[in-house]
C-alpha cells in the first residue's frame, strides 16, 4: 500500500485522530464480577451503553472515523478497553500479549478487526513476553516510552524493540508497586500527552529520571491534584494537539488544561470508566493519526 493510500499508523499520541477502533459494552461487561475483575461494582449495562454511545459521538464530532470491534469475546469483560492489546505503527499492527491473564485472547480478536479495517498485522509477542499498550507512550514518532511493571515485563520490552526495529528508540520507565499486581497501574495511568510539548501528569507516581528526560526535551507539565487522580484526571485523550477528551468530574485539571490553551470536552463515565478503571485512552485504539 502506498504512503498516499495508507489509512493506518499511530506513532503519535497527539496528531489528529482520523480512524479509531472502539468496542461497545456487551452482556459480558454487564455481568462482570467486581472481585474477579477488580471493578468497584457490577456495571449497569444500559447506562454503560448510553455512556459509550455518547463517548463515540464525541469521537465522531472530532472528525474521527469510528470502527466497531464486535467480535464475540466470551468471559472478557475488560475487552471494552481495547487500547491495550496492540500497537499500530506506520507499518501495521503489532499484537501484544496481555499481562493480565484474564485478558489473554483479546490480542488475536483485535488482530482480526485490524485486518477487516485494512491494517496489516506485522508482528506479535510470543513466549513469556507480556506487554500492554497502556504502558506504551509515543514521545515522538521515533521514541516510545514503555513502562516496566506488572503488565509489561523485560521480555516484552525486548521483543517489542526487535519488532519496532532500529528506527524506534525505546525508553524504559520503571513503574512503582502502587497498589500491587491486582490493580491496574499503567505508564499512562499517570501521564498523557496532549501536545508535542505538553503533558498531563500525576507527580507522586512520576519517576524522577523520566520527568527529567521529558523536561530536557522541552516538555511542560500540567499537574493533576491528588483528589483528581482517583477520578482519572491524568487519563486524557488528545483528539488533536491541545484538543482534549477527558472524564467529567476533574474541574481543576480541566481548568489547568484550558489555561494552557487546550480545548476540553468531557464525557460521563460512571459505568464505563470509574467502575471499571479505564479512561478515554483505554476505551480507544487509535488506528490512524495524521
C-alpha atoms as a PDB file:
ATOM      1  CA  UNK A   1       0.000   0.000   0.000  1.00  0.00           C
ATOM      2  CA  UNK A   2       1.444   3.372  -0.952  1.00  0.00           C
ATOM      3  CA  UNK A   3       2.004   6.129   1.569  1.00  0.00           C
ATOM      4  CA  UNK A   4      -0.748   8.222  -0.050  1.00  0.00           C
ATOM      5  CA  UNK A   5      -3.273   5.400   0.223  1.00  0.00           C
ATOM      6  CA  UNK A   6      -2.311   4.183   3.697  1.00  0.00           C
ATOM      7  CA  UNK A   7      -5.009   4.841   6.297  1.00  0.00           C
ATOM      8  CA  UNK A   8      -3.251   3.489   9.351  1.00  0.00           C
ATOM      9  CA  UNK A   9      -0.316   4.429  11.544  1.00  0.00           C
ATOM     10  CA  UNK A  10      -0.397   5.906  15.029  1.00  0.00           C
ATOM     11  CA  UNK A  11       3.172   6.611  16.147  1.00  0.00           C
ATOM     12  CA  UNK A  12       1.936   9.687  17.993  1.00  0.00           C
ATOM     13  CA  UNK A  13      -0.262  10.379  20.996  1.00  0.00           C
ATOM     14  CA  UNK A  14      -1.389  13.792  19.749  1.00  0.00           C
ATOM     15  CA  UNK A  15      -1.610  14.008  15.940  1.00  0.00           C
ATOM     16  CA  UNK A  16      -5.211  14.456  14.721  1.00  0.00           C
ATOM     17  CA  UNK A  17      -7.213  11.284  15.269  1.00  0.00           C
ATOM     18  CA  UNK A  18      -8.502  10.076  11.878  1.00  0.00           C
ATOM     19  CA  UNK A  19      -9.570   6.457  12.494  1.00  0.00           C
ATOM     20  CA  UNK A  20     -10.203   4.738  15.802  1.00  0.00           C
ATOM     21  CA  UNK A  21     -11.371   1.323  16.947  1.00  0.00           C
ATOM     22  CA  UNK A  22     -13.917   1.054  19.768  1.00  0.00           C
ATOM     23  CA  UNK A  23     -15.876  -1.745  21.446  1.00  0.00           C
ATOM     24  CA  UNK A  24     -19.325  -1.173  22.913  1.00  0.00           C
ATOM     25  CA  UNK A  25     -20.238  -2.653  26.319  1.00  0.00           C
ATOM     26  CA  UNK A  26     -21.694  -6.132  25.890  1.00  0.00           C
ATOM     27  CA  UNK A  27     -23.500  -8.518  28.282  1.00  0.00           C
ATOM     28  CA  UNK A  28     -20.146  -9.927  29.420  1.00  0.00           C
ATOM     29  CA  UNK A  29     -19.169  -6.451  30.648  1.00  0.00           C
ATOM     30  CA  UNK A  30     -22.586  -6.001  32.258  1.00  0.00           C
ATOM     31  CA  UNK A  31     -22.291  -9.265  34.206  1.00  0.00           C
ATOM     32  CA  UNK A  32     -18.675  -8.773  35.347  1.00  0.00           C
ATOM     33  CA  UNK A  33     -17.983  -9.945  38.897  1.00  0.00           C
ATOM     34  CA  UNK A  34     -16.355  -6.993  40.665  1.00  0.00           C
ATOM     35  CA  UNK A  35     -13.936  -9.019  42.803  1.00  0.00           C
ATOM     36  CA  UNK A  36     -12.710 -11.018  39.842  1.00  0.00           C
ATOM     37  CA  UNK A  37     -12.227  -8.049  37.511  1.00  0.00           C
ATOM     38  CA  UNK A  38     -11.137  -5.512  40.139  1.00  0.00           C
ATOM     39  CA  UNK A  39     -14.162  -3.276  39.464  1.00  0.00           C
ATOM     40  CA  UNK A  40     -15.773  -1.093  42.112  1.00  0.00           C
ATOM     41  CA  UNK A  41     -19.152  -2.707  41.400  1.00  0.00           C
ATOM     42  CA  UNK A  42     -21.093  -4.579  38.725  1.00  0.00           C
ATOM     43  CA  UNK A  43     -21.699  -2.286  35.729  1.00  0.00           C
ATOM     44  CA  UNK A  44     -25.223  -1.257  34.789  1.00  0.00           C
ATOM     45  CA  UNK A  45     -25.267  -2.372  31.150  1.00  0.00           C
ATOM     46  CA  UNK A  46     -27.987   0.005  29.920  1.00  0.00           C
ATOM     47  CA  UNK A  47     -26.280   3.030  31.418  1.00  0.00           C
ATOM     48  CA  UNK A  48     -22.884   1.801  30.204  1.00  0.00           C
ATOM     49  CA  UNK A  49     -24.191   1.555  26.648  1.00  0.00           C
ATOM     50  CA  UNK A  50     -25.665   5.055  26.823  1.00  0.00           C
ATOM     51  CA  UNK A  51     -22.384   6.478  28.163  1.00  0.00           C
ATOM     52  CA  UNK A  52     -20.401   4.697  25.479  1.00  0.00           C
ATOM     53  CA  UNK A  53     -22.689   5.862  22.683  1.00  0.00           C
ATOM     54  CA  UNK A  54     -22.197   9.479  23.787  1.00  0.00           C
ATOM     55  CA  UNK A  55     -18.445   8.895  24.020  1.00  0.00           C
ATOM     56  CA  UNK A  56     -18.413   7.611  20.424  1.00  0.00           C
ATOM     57  CA  UNK A  57     -20.426  10.645  19.300  1.00  0.00           C
ATOM     58  CA  UNK A  58     -17.672  12.890  20.678  1.00  0.00           C
ATOM     59  CA  UNK A  59     -15.049  10.966  18.698  1.00  0.00           C
ATOM     60  CA  UNK A  60     -17.090  11.421  15.518  1.00  0.00           C
ATOM     61  CA  UNK A  61     -17.676  15.100  16.289  1.00  0.00           C
ATOM     62  CA  UNK A  62     -13.883  15.486  16.321  1.00  0.00           C
ATOM     63  CA  UNK A  63     -13.704  14.110  12.789  1.00  0.00           C
ATOM     64  CA  UNK A  64     -12.610  10.536  13.505  1.00  0.00           C
ATOM     65  CA  UNK A  65     -13.898   7.540  11.590  1.00  0.00           C
ATOM     66  CA  UNK A  66     -15.116   5.114  14.262  1.00  0.00           C
ATOM     67  CA  UNK A  67     -14.705   1.389  13.603  1.00  0.00           C
ATOM     68  CA  UNK A  68     -16.717  -1.017  15.751  1.00  0.00           C
ATOM     69  CA  UNK A  69     -14.966  -4.156  17.026  1.00  0.00           C
ATOM     70  CA  UNK A  70     -17.765  -6.577  17.884  1.00  0.00           C
ATOM     71  CA  UNK A  71     -16.123  -9.997  17.591  1.00  0.00           C
ATOM     72  CA  UNK A  72     -17.521 -12.306  20.305  1.00  0.00           C
ATOM     73  CA  UNK A  73     -15.225 -12.491  23.328  1.00  0.00           C
ATOM     74  CA  UNK A  74     -16.901 -14.641  25.990  1.00  0.00           C
ATOM     75  CA  UNK A  75     -15.641 -14.068  29.530  1.00  0.00           C
ATOM     76  CA  UNK A  76     -13.607 -10.986  28.597  1.00  0.00           C
ATOM     77  CA  UNK A  77     -15.202  -8.104  30.485  1.00  0.00           C
ATOM     78  CA  UNK A  78     -12.149  -5.866  30.019  1.00  0.00           C
ATOM     79  CA  UNK A  79     -12.307  -6.150  26.225  1.00  0.00           C
ATOM     80  CA  UNK A  80     -14.086  -2.777  26.173  1.00  0.00           C
ATOM     81  CA  UNK A  81     -10.642  -1.289  26.912  1.00  0.00           C
ATOM     82  CA  UNK A  82      -9.195  -2.158  23.550  1.00  0.00           C
ATOM     83  CA  UNK A  83      -6.283   0.266  23.676  1.00  0.00           C
ATOM     84  CA  UNK A  84      -4.192  -2.400  25.411  1.00  0.00           C
ATOM     85  CA  UNK A  85      -3.891  -5.497  23.167  1.00  0.00           C
ATOM     86  CA  UNK A  86      -1.969  -3.887  20.300  1.00  0.00           C
ATOM     87  CA  UNK A  87       0.132  -1.045  18.933  1.00  0.00           C
ATOM     88  CA  UNK A  88      -0.483   0.394  15.475  1.00  0.00           C
ATOM     89  CA  UNK A  89       2.720   1.517  13.805  1.00  0.00           C
ATOM     90  CA  UNK A  90       3.346   3.059  10.410  1.00  0.00           C
ATOM     91  CA  UNK A  91       3.991  -0.458   9.072  1.00  0.00           C
ATOM     92  CA  UNK A  92       0.903  -2.027  10.639  1.00  0.00           C
ATOM     93  CA  UNK A  93      -0.279  -3.572  13.901  1.00  0.00           C
ATOM     94  CA  UNK A  94       1.826  -5.365  16.496  1.00  0.00           C
ATOM     95  CA  UNK A  95      -0.248  -7.731  18.608  1.00  0.00           C
ATOM     96  CA  UNK A  96       0.931  -7.681  22.204  1.00  0.00           C
ATOM     97  CA  UNK A  97       0.453 -10.326  24.913  1.00  0.00           C
ATOM     98  CA  UNK A  98      -1.626  -9.210  27.850  1.00  0.00           C
ATOM     99  CA  UNK A  99      -0.016  -9.090  31.271  1.00  0.00           C
ATOM    100  CA  UNK A 100      -3.396  -9.630  32.932  1.00  0.00           C
ATOM    101  CA  UNK A 101      -4.083 -13.345  32.349  1.00  0.00           C
ATOM    102  CA  UNK A 102      -7.871 -12.816  32.286  1.00  0.00           C
ATOM    103  CA  UNK A 103      -7.401 -10.709  29.148  1.00  0.00           C
ATOM    104  CA  UNK A 104      -5.470 -13.252  27.073  1.00  0.00           C
ATOM    105  CA  UNK A 105      -7.298 -13.913  23.811  1.00  0.00           C
ATOM    106  CA  UNK A 106      -8.129 -10.274  23.119  1.00  0.00           C
ATOM    107  CA  UNK A 107      -4.985  -9.967  21.014  1.00  0.00           C
ATOM    108  CA  UNK A 108      -5.973 -12.280  18.160  1.00  0.00           C
ATOM    109  CA  UNK A 109      -9.535 -10.936  18.174  1.00  0.00           C
ATOM    110  CA  UNK A 110      -8.351  -7.360  17.669  1.00  0.00           C
ATOM    111  CA  UNK A 111      -5.987  -8.653  15.004  1.00  0.00           C
ATOM    112  CA  UNK A 112      -8.998  -9.838  13.003  1.00  0.00           C
ATOM    113  CA  UNK A 113     -10.633  -6.437  13.448  1.00  0.00           C
ATOM    114  CA  UNK A 114      -7.480  -4.762  12.139  1.00  0.00           C
ATOM    115  CA  UNK A 115      -7.372  -6.937   9.066  1.00  0.00           C
ATOM    116  CA  UNK A 116     -11.015  -6.106   8.242  1.00  0.00           C
ATOM    117  CA  UNK A 117     -10.079  -2.419   8.578  1.00  0.00           C
ATOM    118  CA  UNK A 118      -7.180  -2.811   6.156  1.00  0.00           C
ATOM    119  CA  UNK A 119      -4.458  -2.738   8.812  1.00  0.00           C
ATOM    120  CA  UNK A 120      -1.844  -5.492   8.327  1.00  0.00           C
ATOM    121  CA  UNK A 121      -0.572  -7.396  11.339  1.00  0.00           C
ATOM    122  CA  UNK A 122       3.210  -7.193  11.127  1.00  0.00           C
ATOM    123  CA  UNK A 123       4.226  -8.974  14.337  1.00  0.00           C
ATOM    124  CA  UNK A 124       3.201 -10.356  17.716  1.00  0.00           C
ATOM    125  CA  UNK A 125       4.738 -11.021  21.110  1.00  0.00           C
ATOM    126  CA  UNK A 126       5.438 -14.654  21.925  1.00  0.00           C
ATOM    127  CA  UNK A 127       6.504 -16.972  24.747  1.00  0.00           C
ATOM    128  CA  UNK A 128       6.845 -15.419  28.185  1.00  0.00           C
ATOM    129  CA  UNK A 129       6.851 -11.861  26.857  1.00  0.00           C
ATOM    130  CA  UNK A 130       3.991  -9.662  28.072  1.00  0.00           C
ATOM    131  CA  UNK A 131       3.189  -6.051  27.286  1.00  0.00           C
ATOM    132  CA  UNK A 132       0.107  -3.870  27.309  1.00  0.00           C
ATOM    133  CA  UNK A 133      -0.244  -0.700  25.262  1.00  0.00           C
ATOM    134  CA  UNK A 134      -1.331   1.240  28.335  1.00  0.00           C
ATOM    135  CA  UNK A 135       2.361   1.037  29.203  1.00  0.00           C
ATOM    136  CA  UNK A 136       3.387   2.485  25.822  1.00  0.00           C
ATOM    137  CA  UNK A 137       3.640   6.240  25.245  1.00  0.00           C
ATOM    138  CA  UNK A 138       4.911   7.756  21.999  1.00  0.00           C
ATOM    139  CA  UNK A 139       7.067  10.748  22.985  1.00  0.00           C
ATOM    140  CA  UNK A 140       7.534  11.377  19.276  1.00  0.00           C
ATOM    141  CA  UNK A 141       7.261   9.218  16.160  1.00  0.00           C
ATOM    142  CA  UNK A 142      10.672   7.643  16.793  1.00  0.00           C
ATOM    143  CA  UNK A 143      10.698   7.444  20.594  1.00  0.00           C
ATOM    144  CA  UNK A 144       8.478   5.098  22.593  1.00  0.00           C
ATOM    145  CA  UNK A 145       8.428   5.160  26.398  1.00  0.00           C
ATOM    146  CA  UNK A 146       7.493   1.756  27.835  1.00  0.00           C
ATOM    147  CA  UNK A 147       6.615   1.118  31.467  1.00  0.00           C
ATOM    148  CA  UNK A 148       8.204  -1.914  33.134  1.00  0.00           C
ATOM    149  CA  UNK A 149       5.806  -3.232  35.762  1.00  0.00           C
ATOM    150  CA  UNK A 150       3.165  -5.867  36.438  1.00  0.00           C
ATOM    151  CA  UNK A 151       1.614  -5.686  32.944  1.00  0.00           C
ATOM    152  CA  UNK A 152       4.790  -5.355  30.852  1.00  0.00           C
ATOM    153  CA  UNK A 153       7.969  -7.341  31.516  1.00  0.00           C
ATOM    154  CA  UNK A 154      11.555  -7.183  30.293  1.00  0.00           C
ATOM    155  CA  UNK A 155      10.962  -9.891  27.679  1.00  0.00           C
ATOM    156  CA  UNK A 156       8.015  -7.912  26.341  1.00  0.00           C
ATOM    157  CA  UNK A 157      10.123  -4.774  26.004  1.00  0.00           C
ATOM    158  CA  UNK A 158      12.906  -6.727  24.280  1.00  0.00           C
ATOM    159  CA  UNK A 159      10.563  -8.315  21.738  1.00  0.00           C
ATOM    160  CA  UNK A 160       8.785  -5.026  21.145  1.00  0.00           C
ATOM    161  CA  UNK A 161      12.127  -3.350  20.471  1.00  0.00           C
ATOM    162  CA  UNK A 162      13.018  -6.039  17.954  1.00  0.00           C
ATOM    163  CA  UNK A 163       9.660  -5.739  16.181  1.00  0.00           C
ATOM    164  CA  UNK A 164       9.842  -1.943  16.017  1.00  0.00           C
ATOM    165  CA  UNK A 165      13.348  -2.041  14.632  1.00  0.00           C
ATOM    166  CA  UNK A 166      16.303   0.307  14.811  1.00  0.00           C
ATOM    167  CA  UNK A 167      14.228   3.305  13.741  1.00  0.00           C
ATOM    168  CA  UNK A 168      12.455   3.493  17.120  1.00  0.00           C
ATOM    169  CA  UNK A 169      14.211   4.135  20.425  1.00  0.00           C
ATOM    170  CA  UNK A 170      12.588   2.581  23.491  1.00  0.00           C
ATOM    171  CA  UNK A 171      12.846   4.476  26.770  1.00  0.00           C
ATOM    172  CA  UNK A 172      12.279   2.069  29.666  1.00  0.00           C
ATOM    173  CA  UNK A 173      10.355   3.551  32.606  1.00  0.00           C
ATOM    174  CA  UNK A 174      10.323   1.560  35.833  1.00  0.00           C
ATOM    175  CA  UNK A 175       6.884   1.599  37.452  1.00  0.00           C
ATOM    176  CA  UNK A 176       6.182   1.558  41.210  1.00  0.00           C
ATOM    177  CA  UNK A 177       4.406  -1.139  43.220  1.00  0.00           C
ATOM    178  CA  UNK A 178       1.492   1.280  43.879  1.00  0.00           C
ATOM    179  CA  UNK A 179      -1.490  -0.927  44.916  1.00  0.00           C
ATOM    180  CA  UNK A 180       0.037  -4.248  43.877  1.00  0.00           C
ATOM    181  CA  UNK A 181      -0.391  -6.678  40.987  1.00  0.00           C
ATOM    182  CA  UNK A 182      -4.199  -6.864  41.101  1.00  0.00           C
ATOM    183  CA  UNK A 183      -4.610  -3.149  40.472  1.00  0.00           C
ATOM    184  CA  UNK A 184      -4.083  -1.640  37.047  1.00  0.00           C
ATOM    185  CA  UNK A 185      -1.205   0.821  37.039  1.00  0.00           C
ATOM    186  CA  UNK A 186      -0.002   1.524  33.534  1.00  0.00           C
ATOM    187  CA  UNK A 187       2.511   4.145  32.480  1.00  0.00           C
ATOM    188  CA  UNK A 188      -0.445   6.058  31.064  1.00  0.00           C
ATOM    189  CA  UNK A 189      -2.189   5.967  34.440  1.00  0.00           C
ATOM    190  CA  UNK A 190      -0.094   8.982  35.426  1.00  0.00           C
ATOM    191  CA  UNK A 191       0.821  10.701  32.161  1.00  0.00           C
ATOM    192  CA  UNK A 192      -0.962  11.712  28.958  1.00  0.00           C
ATOM    193  CA  UNK A 193       0.479  13.807  26.149  1.00  0.00           C
ATOM    194  CA  UNK A 194      -1.866  16.491  24.825  1.00  0.00           C
ATOM    195  CA  UNK A 195       0.668  18.207  22.537  1.00  0.00           C
ATOM    196  CA  UNK A 196       4.237  17.527  21.463  1.00  0.00           C
ATOM    197  CA  UNK A 197       5.433  19.827  24.251  1.00  0.00           C
ATOM    198  CA  UNK A 198       2.675  19.420  26.866  1.00  0.00           C
ATOM    199  CA  UNK A 199       1.782  16.529  29.177  1.00  0.00           C
ATOM    200  CA  UNK A 200      -0.761  15.952  31.925  1.00  0.00           C
ATOM    201  CA  UNK A 201       0.917  14.198  34.864  1.00  0.00           C
ATOM    202  CA  UNK A 202       0.266  12.988  38.398  1.00  0.00           C
ATOM    203  CA  UNK A 203       3.573  13.921  40.060  1.00  0.00           C
ATOM    204  CA  UNK A 204       3.638  11.447  43.011  1.00  0.00           C
ATOM    205  CA  UNK A 205       3.896   8.481  40.604  1.00  0.00           C
ATOM    206  CA  UNK A 206       6.191  10.129  38.046  1.00  0.00           C
ATOM    207  CA  UNK A 207       9.691   8.580  38.131  1.00  0.00           C
ATOM    208  CA  UNK A 208      12.275  11.332  38.539  1.00  0.00           C
ATOM    209  CA  UNK A 209      14.575  10.233  35.648  1.00  0.00           C
ATOM    210  CA  UNK A 210      11.612  10.059  33.270  1.00  0.00           C
ATOM    211  CA  UNK A 211      10.364  13.501  34.288  1.00  0.00           C
ATOM    212  CA  UNK A 212      13.843  14.937  33.868  1.00  0.00           C
ATOM    213  CA  UNK A 213      14.213  13.336  30.444  1.00  0.00           C
ATOM    214  CA  UNK A 214      10.957  14.906  29.262  1.00  0.00           C
ATOM    215  CA  UNK A 215      11.940  18.266  30.712  1.00  0.00           C
ATOM    216  CA  UNK A 216      15.197  18.038  28.789  1.00  0.00           C
ATOM    217  CA  UNK A 217      13.139  17.754  25.601  1.00  0.00           C
ATOM    218  CA  UNK A 218      11.265  20.954  26.452  1.00  0.00           C
ATOM    219  CA  UNK A 219       8.124  19.251  27.750  1.00  0.00           C
ATOM    220  CA  UNK A 220       5.855  21.317  30.009  1.00  0.00           C
ATOM    221  CA  UNK A 221       3.562  19.732  32.580  1.00  0.00           C
ATOM    222  CA  UNK A 222       0.005  20.166  33.792  1.00  0.00           C
ATOM    223  CA  UNK A 223      -0.167  18.627  37.262  1.00  0.00           C
ATOM    224  CA  UNK A 224      -3.219  16.701  38.437  1.00  0.00           C
ATOM    225  CA  UNK A 225      -4.132  17.264  42.096  1.00  0.00           C
ATOM    226  CA  UNK A 226      -4.344  14.280  44.417  1.00  0.00           C
ATOM    227  CA  UNK A 227      -8.129  14.434  44.699  1.00  0.00           C
ATOM    228  CA  UNK A 228      -8.477  14.019  40.912  1.00  0.00           C
ATOM    229  CA  UNK A 229      -6.147  11.068  40.482  1.00  0.00           C
ATOM    230  CA  UNK A 230      -8.835   8.574  41.528  1.00  0.00           C
ATOM    231  CA  UNK A 231     -11.261  10.080  39.006  1.00  0.00           C
ATOM    232  CA  UNK A 232      -8.692   9.578  36.231  1.00  0.00           C
ATOM    233  CA  UNK A 233      -7.617  13.176  35.842  1.00  0.00           C
ATOM    234  CA  UNK A 234      -4.314  12.116  34.218  1.00  0.00           C
ATOM    235  CA  UNK A 235      -6.104   9.992  31.593  1.00  0.00           C
ATOM    236  CA  UNK A 236      -6.686  12.467  28.771  1.00  0.00           C
ATOM    237  CA  UNK A 237      -7.170  11.544  25.111  1.00  0.00           C
ATOM    238  CA  UNK A 238      -5.753  14.024  22.607  1.00  0.00           C
ATOM    239  CA  UNK A 239      -8.115  14.291  19.634  1.00  0.00           C
ATOM    240  CA  UNK A 240      -5.559  16.647  18.063  1.00  0.00           C
ATOM    241  CA  UNK A 241      -2.848  18.851  19.570  1.00  0.00           C
ATOM    242  CA  UNK A 242      -4.410  20.695  22.526  1.00  0.00           C
ATOM    243  CA  UNK A 243      -7.847  19.246  21.761  1.00  0.00           C
ATOM    244  CA  UNK A 244      -8.688  17.022  24.704  1.00  0.00           C
ATOM    245  CA  UNK A 245     -11.312  14.469  25.693  1.00  0.00           C
ATOM    246  CA  UNK A 246     -11.441  13.650  29.395  1.00  0.00           C
ATOM    247  CA  UNK A 247     -13.720  12.181  32.037  1.00  0.00           C
ATOM    248  CA  UNK A 248     -16.058  14.682  33.659  1.00  0.00           C
ATOM    249  CA  UNK A 249     -15.568  15.439  37.337  1.00  0.00           C
ATOM    250  CA  UNK A 250     -11.988  16.728  37.162  1.00  0.00           C
ATOM    251  CA  UNK A 251     -12.545  20.509  37.266  1.00  0.00           C
ATOM    252  CA  UNK A 252      -9.077  21.518  38.466  1.00  0.00           C
ATOM    253  CA  UNK A 253      -7.278  19.525  35.771  1.00  0.00           C
ATOM    254  CA  UNK A 254      -9.747  20.738  33.152  1.00  0.00           C
ATOM    255  CA  UNK A 255      -9.201  24.364  34.170  1.00  0.00           C
ATOM    256  CA  UNK A 256      -5.425  23.924  34.042  1.00  0.00           C
ATOM    257  CA  UNK A 257      -5.676  22.428  30.550  1.00  0.00           C
ATOM    258  CA  UNK A 258      -7.813  25.322  29.369  1.00  0.00           C
ATOM    259  CA  UNK A 259      -5.411  27.838  30.923  1.00  0.00           C
ATOM    260  CA  UNK A 260      -2.636  26.185  28.874  1.00  0.00           C
ATOM    261  CA  UNK A 261      -4.576  26.852  25.660  1.00  0.00           C
ATOM    262  CA  UNK A 262      -6.355  23.499  25.338  1.00  0.00           C
ATOM    263  CA  UNK A 263      -9.934  22.904  24.261  1.00  0.00           C
ATOM    264  CA  UNK A 264     -11.573  20.295  26.506  1.00  0.00           C
ATOM    265  CA  UNK A 265     -14.695  18.190  26.034  1.00  0.00           C
ATOM    266  CA  UNK A 266     -15.846  15.757  28.719  1.00  0.00           C
ATOM    267  CA  UNK A 267     -17.931  12.602  28.855  1.00  0.00           C
ATOM    268  CA  UNK A 268     -19.897  10.886  31.601  1.00  0.00           C
ATOM    269  CA  UNK A 269     -18.220   7.609  32.511  1.00  0.00           C
ATOM    270  CA  UNK A 270     -19.573   6.322  35.799  1.00  0.00           C
ATOM    271  CA  UNK A 271     -20.114   2.837  34.349  1.00  0.00           C
ATOM    272  CA  UNK A 272     -17.582   2.552  31.516  1.00  0.00           C
ATOM    273  CA  UNK A 273     -14.710   4.301  33.305  1.00  0.00           C
ATOM    274  CA  UNK A 274     -14.947   4.846  37.046  1.00  0.00           C
ATOM    275  CA  UNK A 275     -16.482   1.469  37.810  1.00  0.00           C
ATOM    276  CA  UNK A 276     -14.026  -0.454  35.666  1.00  0.00           C
ATOM    277  CA  UNK A 277     -10.733   1.512  35.927  1.00  0.00           C
ATOM    278  CA  UNK A 278     -10.456   2.678  32.322  1.00  0.00           C
ATOM    279  CA  UNK A 279     -10.443   6.236  30.969  1.00  0.00           C
ATOM    280  CA  UNK A 280     -10.806   7.682  27.467  1.00  0.00           C
ATOM    281  CA  UNK A 281      -7.435   6.479  26.185  1.00  0.00           C
ATOM    282  CA  UNK A 282      -8.242   2.962  27.439  1.00  0.00           C
ATOM    283  CA  UNK A 283     -11.570   2.947  25.564  1.00  0.00           C
ATOM    284  CA  UNK A 284      -9.931   3.659  22.189  1.00  0.00           C
ATOM    285  CA  UNK A 285      -7.407   2.010  19.905  1.00  0.00           C
ATOM    286  CA  UNK A 286      -6.183   4.700  17.524  1.00  0.00           C
ATOM    287  CA  UNK A 287      -5.733   3.226  14.051  1.00  0.00           C
ATOM    288  CA  UNK A 288      -4.624   6.344  12.193  1.00  0.00           C
ATOM    289  CA  UNK A 289      -3.307   9.673  13.402  1.00  0.00           C
ATOM    290  CA  UNK A 290      -2.240  12.057  10.682  1.00  0.00           C
END
